[in-house]
PDB file of N, CA and C in Angstrom:
ATOM      1  N   MET A   1     100.033 221.404  35.867  1.00  0.00           N
ATOM      2  CA  MET A   1     100.186 220.080  35.299  1.00  0.00           C
ATOM      3  C   MET A   1      98.990 219.228  35.707  1.00  0.00           C
ATOM      4  N   SER A   2      98.748 218.237  34.894  1.00  0.00           N
ATOM      5  CA  SER A   2      97.580 217.398  35.125  1.00  0.00           C
ATOM      6  C   SER A   2      97.917 216.230  36.059  1.00  0.00           C
ATOM      7  N   PRO A   3      96.902 215.677  36.706  1.00  0.00           N
ATOM      8  CA  PRO A   3      97.133 214.511  37.563  1.00  0.00           C
ATOM      9  C   PRO A   3      97.686 213.320  36.783  1.00  0.00           C
ATOM     10  N   ASP A   4      97.339 213.220  35.494  1.00  0.00           N
ATOM     11  CA  ASP A   4      97.871 212.127  34.680  1.00  0.00           C
ATOM     12  C   ASP A   4      99.396 212.202  34.601  1.00  0.00           C
ATOM     13  N   PHE A   5      99.908 213.411  34.403  1.00  0.00           N
ATOM     14  CA  PHE A   5     101.358 213.586  34.314  1.00  0.00           C
ATOM     15  C   PHE A   5     102.028 213.222  35.636  1.00  0.00           C
ATOM     16  N   TYR A   6     101.430 213.622  36.765  1.00  0.00           N
ATOM     17  CA  TYR A   6     101.989 213.268  38.074  1.00  0.00           C
ATOM     18  C   TYR A   6     102.022 211.758  38.270  1.00  0.00           C
ATOM     19  N   LEU A   7     100.960 211.091  37.854  1.00  0.00           N
ATOM     20  CA  LEU A   7     100.897 209.640  38.015  1.00  0.00           C
ATOM     21  C   LEU A   7     101.969 208.948  37.187  1.00  0.00           C
ATOM     22  N   VAL A   8     102.100 209.337  35.934  1.00  0.00           N
ATOM     23  CA  VAL A   8     103.095 208.705  35.058  1.00  0.00           C
ATOM     24  C   VAL A   8     104.505 208.970  35.571  1.00  0.00           C
ATOM     25  N   LEU A   9     104.778 210.207  35.974  1.00  0.00           N
ATOM     26  CA  LEU A   9     106.106 210.542  36.492  1.00  0.00           C
ATOM     27  C   LEU A   9     106.412 209.765  37.767  1.00  0.00           C
ATOM     28  N   GLY A  10     105.429 209.636  38.644  1.00  0.00           N
ATOM     29  CA  GLY A  10     105.623 208.882  39.878  1.00  0.00           C
ATOM     30  C   GLY A  10     105.886 207.409  39.621  1.00  0.00           C
ATOM     31  N   ILE A  11     105.158 206.822  38.693  1.00  0.00           N
ATOM     32  CA  ILE A  11     105.355 205.399  38.381  1.00  0.00           C
ATOM     33  C   ILE A  11     106.722 205.178  37.739  1.00  0.00           C
ATOM     34  N   LEU A  12     107.123 206.076  36.841  1.00  0.00           N
ATOM     35  CA  LEU A  12     108.431 205.939  36.201  1.00  0.00           C
ATOM     36  C   LEU A  12     109.568 206.104  37.202  1.00  0.00           C
ATOM     37  N   LEU A  13     109.458 207.078  38.093  1.00  0.00           N
ATOM     38  CA  LEU A  13     110.493 207.258  39.112  1.00  0.00           C
ATOM     39  C   LEU A  13     110.596 206.038  40.022  1.00  0.00           C
ATOM     40  N   ALA A  14     109.464 205.490  40.407  1.00  0.00           N
ATOM     41  CA  ALA A  14     109.466 204.298  41.249  1.00  0.00           C
ATOM     42  C   ALA A  14     110.096 203.113  40.524  1.00  0.00           C
ATOM     43  N   GLY A  15     109.787 202.985  39.244  1.00  0.00           N
ATOM     44  CA  GLY A  15     110.367 201.883  38.473  1.00  0.00           C
ATOM     45  C   GLY A  15     111.869 202.007  38.302  1.00  0.00           C
ATOM     46  N   PHE A  16     112.345 203.231  38.110  1.00  0.00           N
ATOM     47  CA  PHE A  16     113.783 203.432  37.943  1.00  0.00           C
ATOM     48  C   PHE A  16     114.550 203.346  39.266  1.00  0.00           C
ATOM     49  N   SER A  17     113.883 203.524  40.376  1.00  0.00           N
ATOM     50  CA  SER A  17     114.590 203.474  41.648  1.00  0.00           C
ATOM     51  C   SER A  17     114.740 202.049  42.191  1.00  0.00           C
ATOM     52  N   ILE A  18     113.971 201.119  41.685  1.00  0.00           N
ATOM     53  CA  ILE A  18     114.068 199.735  42.165  1.00  0.00           C
ATOM     54  C   ILE A  18     115.447 199.129  41.888  1.00  0.00           C
ATOM     55  N   PRO A  19     116.010 199.254  40.678  1.00  0.00           N
ATOM     56  CA  PRO A  19     117.365 198.727  40.480  1.00  0.00           C
ATOM     57  C   PRO A  19     118.408 199.410  41.362  1.00  0.00           C
ATOM     58  N   SER A  20     118.196 200.687  41.654  1.00  0.00           N
ATOM     59  CA  SER A  20     119.121 201.404  42.516  1.00  0.00           C
ATOM     60  C   SER A  20     119.077 200.864  43.951  1.00  0.00           C
ATOM     61  N   VAL A  21     117.889 200.552  44.420  1.00  0.00           N
ATOM     62  CA  VAL A  21     117.752 199.968  45.756  1.00  0.00           C
ATOM     63  C   VAL A  21     118.426 198.606  45.801  1.00  0.00           C
ATOM     64  N   LEU A  22     118.179 197.783  44.801  1.00  0.00           N
ATOM     65  CA  LEU A  22     118.780 196.445  44.776  1.00  0.00           C
ATOM     66  C   LEU A  22     120.301 196.519  44.683  1.00  0.00           C
ATOM     67  N   SER A  23     120.812 197.469  43.923  1.00  0.00           N
ATOM     68  CA  SER A  23     122.261 197.640  43.807  1.00  0.00           C
ATOM     69  C   SER A  23     122.865 198.067  45.135  1.00  0.00           C
ATOM     70  N   ALA A  24     122.216 198.989  45.820  1.00  0.00           N
ATOM     71  CA  ALA A  24     122.740 199.446  47.107  1.00  0.00           C
ATOM     72  C   ALA A  24     122.722 198.328  48.136  1.00  0.00           C
ATOM     73  N   ILE A  25     121.670 197.534  48.136  1.00  0.00           N
ATOM     74  CA  ILE A  25     121.580 196.432  49.094  1.00  0.00           C
ATOM     75  C   ILE A  25     122.627 195.364  48.788  1.00  0.00           C
ATOM     76  N   SER A  26     122.850 195.067  47.507  1.00  0.00           N
ATOM     77  CA  SER A  26     123.835 194.038  47.161  1.00  0.00           C
ATOM     78  C   SER A  26     125.261 194.502  47.440  1.00  0.00           C
ATOM     79  N   ASP A  27     125.504 195.813  47.407  1.00  0.00           N
ATOM     80  CA  ASP A  27     126.828 196.348  47.736  1.00  0.00           C
ATOM     81  C   ASP A  27     126.983 196.644  49.221  1.00  0.00           C
ATOM     82  N   ARG A  28     125.977 196.315  49.990  1.00  0.00           N
ATOM     83  CA  ARG A  28     125.942 196.530  51.432  1.00  0.00           C
ATOM     84  C   ARG A  28     126.147 197.993  51.821  1.00  0.00           C
ATOM     85  N   ARG A  29     125.436 198.868  51.091  1.00  0.00           N
ATOM     86  CA  ARG A  29     125.414 200.279  51.461  1.00  0.00           C
ATOM     87  C   ARG A  29     123.971 200.680  51.718  1.00  0.00           C
ATOM     88  N   ALA A  30     123.819 201.797  52.369  1.00  0.00           N
ATOM     89  CA  ALA A  30     122.473 202.283  52.662  1.00  0.00           C
ATOM     90  C   ALA A  30     121.876 202.910  51.396  1.00  0.00           C
ATOM     91  N   PRO A  31     120.670 202.537  51.037  1.00  0.00           N
ATOM     92  CA  PRO A  31     120.046 203.096  49.826  1.00  0.00           C
ATOM     93  C   PRO A  31     119.391 204.454  50.096  1.00  0.00           C
ATOM     94  N   ARG A  32     120.203 205.446  50.458  1.00  0.00           N
ATOM     95  CA  ARG A  32     119.655 206.754  50.836  1.00  0.00           C
ATOM     96  C   ARG A  32     119.001 207.467  49.663  1.00  0.00           C
ATOM     97  N   ALA A  33     119.732 207.617  48.581  1.00  0.00           N
ATOM     98  CA  ALA A  33     119.188 208.331  47.419  1.00  0.00           C
ATOM     99  C   ALA A  33     117.983 207.594  46.856  1.00  0.00           C
ATOM    100  N   SER A  34     118.048 206.283  46.844  1.00  0.00           N
ATOM    101  CA  SER A  34     116.922 205.486  46.338  1.00  0.00           C
ATOM    102  C   SER A  34     115.697 205.644  47.221  1.00  0.00           C
ATOM    103  N   ALA A  35     115.904 205.700  48.519  1.00  0.00           N
ATOM    104  CA  ALA A  35     114.781 205.861  49.433  1.00  0.00           C
ATOM    105  C   ALA A  35     114.120 207.227  49.242  1.00  0.00           C
ATOM    106  N   ILE A  36     114.921 208.246  49.038  1.00  0.00           N
ATOM    107  CA  ILE A  36     114.365 209.580  48.791  1.00  0.00           C
ATOM    108  C   ILE A  36     113.585 209.591  47.483  1.00  0.00           C
ATOM    109  N   THR A  37     114.124 208.933  46.460  1.00  0.00           N
ATOM    110  CA  THR A  37     113.431 208.870  45.170  1.00  0.00           C
ATOM    111  C   THR A  37     112.110 208.125  45.286  1.00  0.00           C
ATOM    112  N   ILE A  38     112.083 207.065  46.056  1.00  0.00           N
ATOM    113  CA  ILE A  38     110.838 206.317  46.256  1.00  0.00           C
ATOM    114  C   ILE A  38     109.820 207.161  47.015  1.00  0.00           C
ATOM    115  N   LEU A  39     110.272 207.930  47.996  1.00  0.00           N
ATOM    116  CA  LEU A  39     109.352 208.816  48.713  1.00  0.00           C
ATOM    117  C   LEU A  39     108.774 209.886  47.789  1.00  0.00           C
ATOM    118  N   ILE A  40     109.610 210.453  46.921  1.00  0.00           N
ATOM    119  CA  ILE A  40     109.132 211.459  45.973  1.00  0.00           C
ATOM    120  C   ILE A  40     108.125 210.844  45.013  1.00  0.00           C
ATOM    121  N   SER A  41     108.431 209.654  44.501  1.00  0.00           N
ATOM    122  CA  SER A  41     107.504 209.012  43.566  1.00  0.00           C
ATOM    123  C   SER A  41     106.191 208.647  44.255  1.00  0.00           C
ATOM    124  N   GLY A  42     106.260 208.212  45.486  1.00  0.00           N
ATOM    125  CA  GLY A  42     105.030 207.929  46.228  1.00  0.00           C
ATOM    126  C   GLY A  42     104.201 209.180  46.446  1.00  0.00           C
ATOM    127  N   GLY A  43     104.874 210.294  46.711  1.00  0.00           N
ATOM    128  CA  GLY A  43     104.162 211.560  46.858  1.00  0.00           C
ATOM    129  C   GLY A  43     103.493 212.001  45.570  1.00  0.00           C
ATOM    130  N   LEU A  44     104.187 211.808  44.437  1.00  0.00           N
ATOM    131  CA  LEU A  44     103.590 212.163  43.151  1.00  0.00           C
ATOM    132  C   LEU A  44     102.374 211.301  42.836  1.00  0.00           C
ATOM    133  N   ILE A  45     102.471 210.013  43.124  1.00  0.00           N
ATOM    134  CA  ILE A  45     101.339 209.113  42.881  1.00  0.00           C
ATOM    135  C   ILE A  45     100.165 209.482  43.787  1.00  0.00           C
ATOM    136  N   LEU A  46     100.451 209.782  45.050  1.00  0.00           N
ATOM    137  CA  LEU A  46      99.404 210.177  45.979  1.00  0.00           C
ATOM    138  C   LEU A  46      98.754 211.492  45.551  1.00  0.00           C
ATOM    139  N   LEU A  47      99.563 212.443  45.099  1.00  0.00           N
ATOM    140  CA  LEU A  47      99.026 213.711  44.607  1.00  0.00           C
ATOM    141  C   LEU A  47      98.113 213.494  43.407  1.00  0.00           C
ATOM    142  N   ALA A  48      98.523 212.614  42.512  1.00  0.00           N
ATOM    143  CA  ALA A  48      97.707 212.338  41.330  1.00  0.00           C
ATOM    144  C   ALA A  48      96.382 211.698  41.714  1.00  0.00           C
ATOM    145  N   ILE A  49      96.405 210.776  42.648  1.00  0.00           N
ATOM    146  CA  ILE A  49      95.174 210.096  43.054  1.00  0.00           C
ATOM    147  C   ILE A  49      94.226 211.055  43.766  1.00  0.00           C
ATOM    148  N   GLN A  50      94.793 211.952  44.575  1.00  0.00           N
ATOM    149  CA  GLN A  50      93.943 212.881  45.317  1.00  0.00           C
ATOM    150  C   GLN A  50      93.358 213.981  44.439  1.00  0.00           C
ATOM    151  N   THR A  51      94.087 214.415  43.414  1.00  0.00           N
ATOM    152  CA  THR A  51      93.587 215.506  42.588  1.00  0.00           C
ATOM    153  C   THR A  51      92.705 215.035  41.434  1.00  0.00           C
ATOM    154  N   GLN A  52      92.761 213.765  41.096  1.00  0.00           N
ATOM    155  CA  GLN A  52      91.910 213.225  40.032  1.00  0.00           C
ATOM    156  C   GLN A  52      90.529 212.933  40.603  1.00  0.00           C
ATOM    157  N   PRO A  53      89.484 213.559  40.065  1.00  0.00           N
ATOM    158  CA  PRO A  53      88.136 213.255  40.560  1.00  0.00           C
ATOM    159  C   PRO A  53      87.794 211.782  40.309  1.00  0.00           C
ATOM    160  N   GLY A  54      87.483 211.063  41.354  1.00  0.00           N
ATOM    161  CA  GLY A  54      87.150 209.651  41.233  1.00  0.00           C
ATOM    162  C   GLY A  54      88.354 208.742  41.314  1.00  0.00           C
ATOM    163  N   GLY A  55      89.563 209.298  41.302  1.00  0.00           N
ATOM    164  CA  GLY A  55      90.772 208.496  41.397  1.00  0.00           C
ATOM    165  C   GLY A  55      91.065 207.721  40.125  1.00  0.00           C
ATOM    166  N   TYR A  56      91.909 206.738  40.241  1.00  0.00           N
ATOM    167  CA  TYR A  56      92.311 205.888  39.117  1.00  0.00           C
ATOM    168  C   TYR A  56      92.039 204.435  39.455  1.00  0.00           C
ATOM    169  N   THR A  57      91.802 203.644  38.422  1.00  0.00           N
ATOM    170  CA  THR A  57      91.738 202.197  38.589  1.00  0.00           C
ATOM    171  C   THR A  57      92.957 201.590  37.889  1.00  0.00           C
ATOM    172  N   ILE A  58      93.227 200.349  38.187  1.00  0.00           N
ATOM    173  CA  ILE A  58      94.380 199.669  37.577  1.00  0.00           C
ATOM    174  C   ILE A  58      94.213 199.585  36.066  1.00  0.00           C
ATOM    175  N   GLU A  59      92.986 199.414  35.614  1.00  0.00           N
ATOM    176  CA  GLU A  59      92.734 199.289  34.176  1.00  0.00           C
ATOM    177  C   GLU A  59      92.987 200.594  33.423  1.00  0.00           C
ATOM    178  N   GLU A  60      92.931 201.723  34.114  1.00  0.00           N
ATOM    179  CA  GLU A  60      93.124 203.029  33.474  1.00  0.00           C
ATOM    180  C   GLU A  60      94.590 203.397  33.269  1.00  0.00           C
ATOM    181  N   ILE A  61      95.492 202.767  33.968  1.00  0.00           N
ATOM    182  CA  ILE A  61      96.899 203.193  33.952  1.00  0.00           C
ATOM    183  C   ILE A  61      97.520 203.124  32.553  1.00  0.00           C
ATOM    184  N   PRO A  62      97.329 202.074  31.761  1.00  0.00           N
ATOM    185  CA  PRO A  62      97.886 202.113  30.401  1.00  0.00           C
ATOM    186  C   PRO A  62      97.324 203.254  29.554  1.00  0.00           C
ATOM    187  N   ASP A  63      96.037 203.546  29.713  1.00  0.00           N
ATOM    188  CA  ASP A  63      95.437 204.655  28.977  1.00  0.00           C
ATOM    189  C   ASP A  63      96.024 205.995  29.410  1.00  0.00           C
ATOM    190  N   VAL A  64      96.331 206.111  30.695  1.00  0.00           N
ATOM    191  CA  VAL A  64      96.938 207.340  31.201  1.00  0.00           C
ATOM    192  C   VAL A  64      98.326 207.525  30.587  1.00  0.00           C
ATOM    193  N   PHE A  65      99.106 206.449  30.498  1.00  0.00           N
ATOM    194  CA  PHE A  65     100.427 206.527  29.869  1.00  0.00           C
ATOM    195  C   PHE A  65     100.311 206.977  28.418  1.00  0.00           C
ATOM    196  N   VAL A  66      99.352 206.419  27.695  1.00  0.00           N
ATOM    197  CA  VAL A  66      99.168 206.784  26.284  1.00  0.00           C
ATOM    198  C   VAL A  66      98.757 208.245  26.151  1.00  0.00           C
ATOM    199  N   ARG A  67      97.862 208.709  27.026  1.00  0.00           N
ATOM    200  CA  ARG A  67      97.432 210.115  26.974  1.00  0.00           C
ATOM    201  C   ARG A  67      98.584 211.066  27.241  1.00  0.00           C
ATOM    202  N   VAL A  68      99.427 210.740  28.204  1.00  0.00           N
ATOM    203  CA  VAL A  68     100.549 211.617  28.544  1.00  0.00           C
ATOM    204  C   VAL A  68     101.558 211.625  27.405  1.00  0.00           C
ATOM    205  N   ILE A  69     101.871 210.467  26.854  1.00  0.00           N
ATOM    206  CA  ILE A  69     102.834 210.415  25.747  1.00  0.00           C
ATOM    207  C   ILE A  69     102.276 211.131  24.521  1.00  0.00           C
ATOM    208  N   ALA A  70     100.992 210.963  24.257  1.00  0.00           N
ATOM    209  CA  ALA A  70     100.379 211.658  23.114  1.00  0.00           C
ATOM    210  C   ALA A  70     100.410 213.169  23.310  1.00  0.00           C
ATOM    211  N   ARG A  71     100.226 213.619  24.533  1.00  0.00           N
ATOM    212  CA  ARG A  71     100.278 215.052  24.807  1.00  0.00           C
ATOM    213  C   ARG A  71     101.687 215.606  24.644  1.00  0.00           C
ATOM    214  N   LEU A  72     102.690 214.801  24.973  1.00  0.00           N
ATOM    215  CA  LEU A  72     104.080 215.243  24.821  1.00  0.00           C
ATOM    216  C   LEU A  72     104.514 215.278  23.362  1.00  0.00           C
ATOM    217  N   ILE A  73     103.980 214.357  22.580  1.00  0.00           N
ATOM    218  CA  ILE A  73     104.363 214.304  21.167  1.00  0.00           C
ATOM    219  C   ILE A  73     103.526 215.312  20.428  1.00  0.00           C
TER     220      ILE A  73
END
């Protein structure tokens, strides 16, 4: 798999885990599953940055999303 796919997957996982963390905190429970998901997404993002020659800039992220979606379609 390409570093672009790892980056997009990591960002999506991180985005989906934020509501889970907030829900667990508001219900006064430990956000265990959410914390694990955030660690996995952070690892995917770190893997993508390390394997991409030159890394990524903030301006490139929308283009990366478009490339990954275009490759899937």
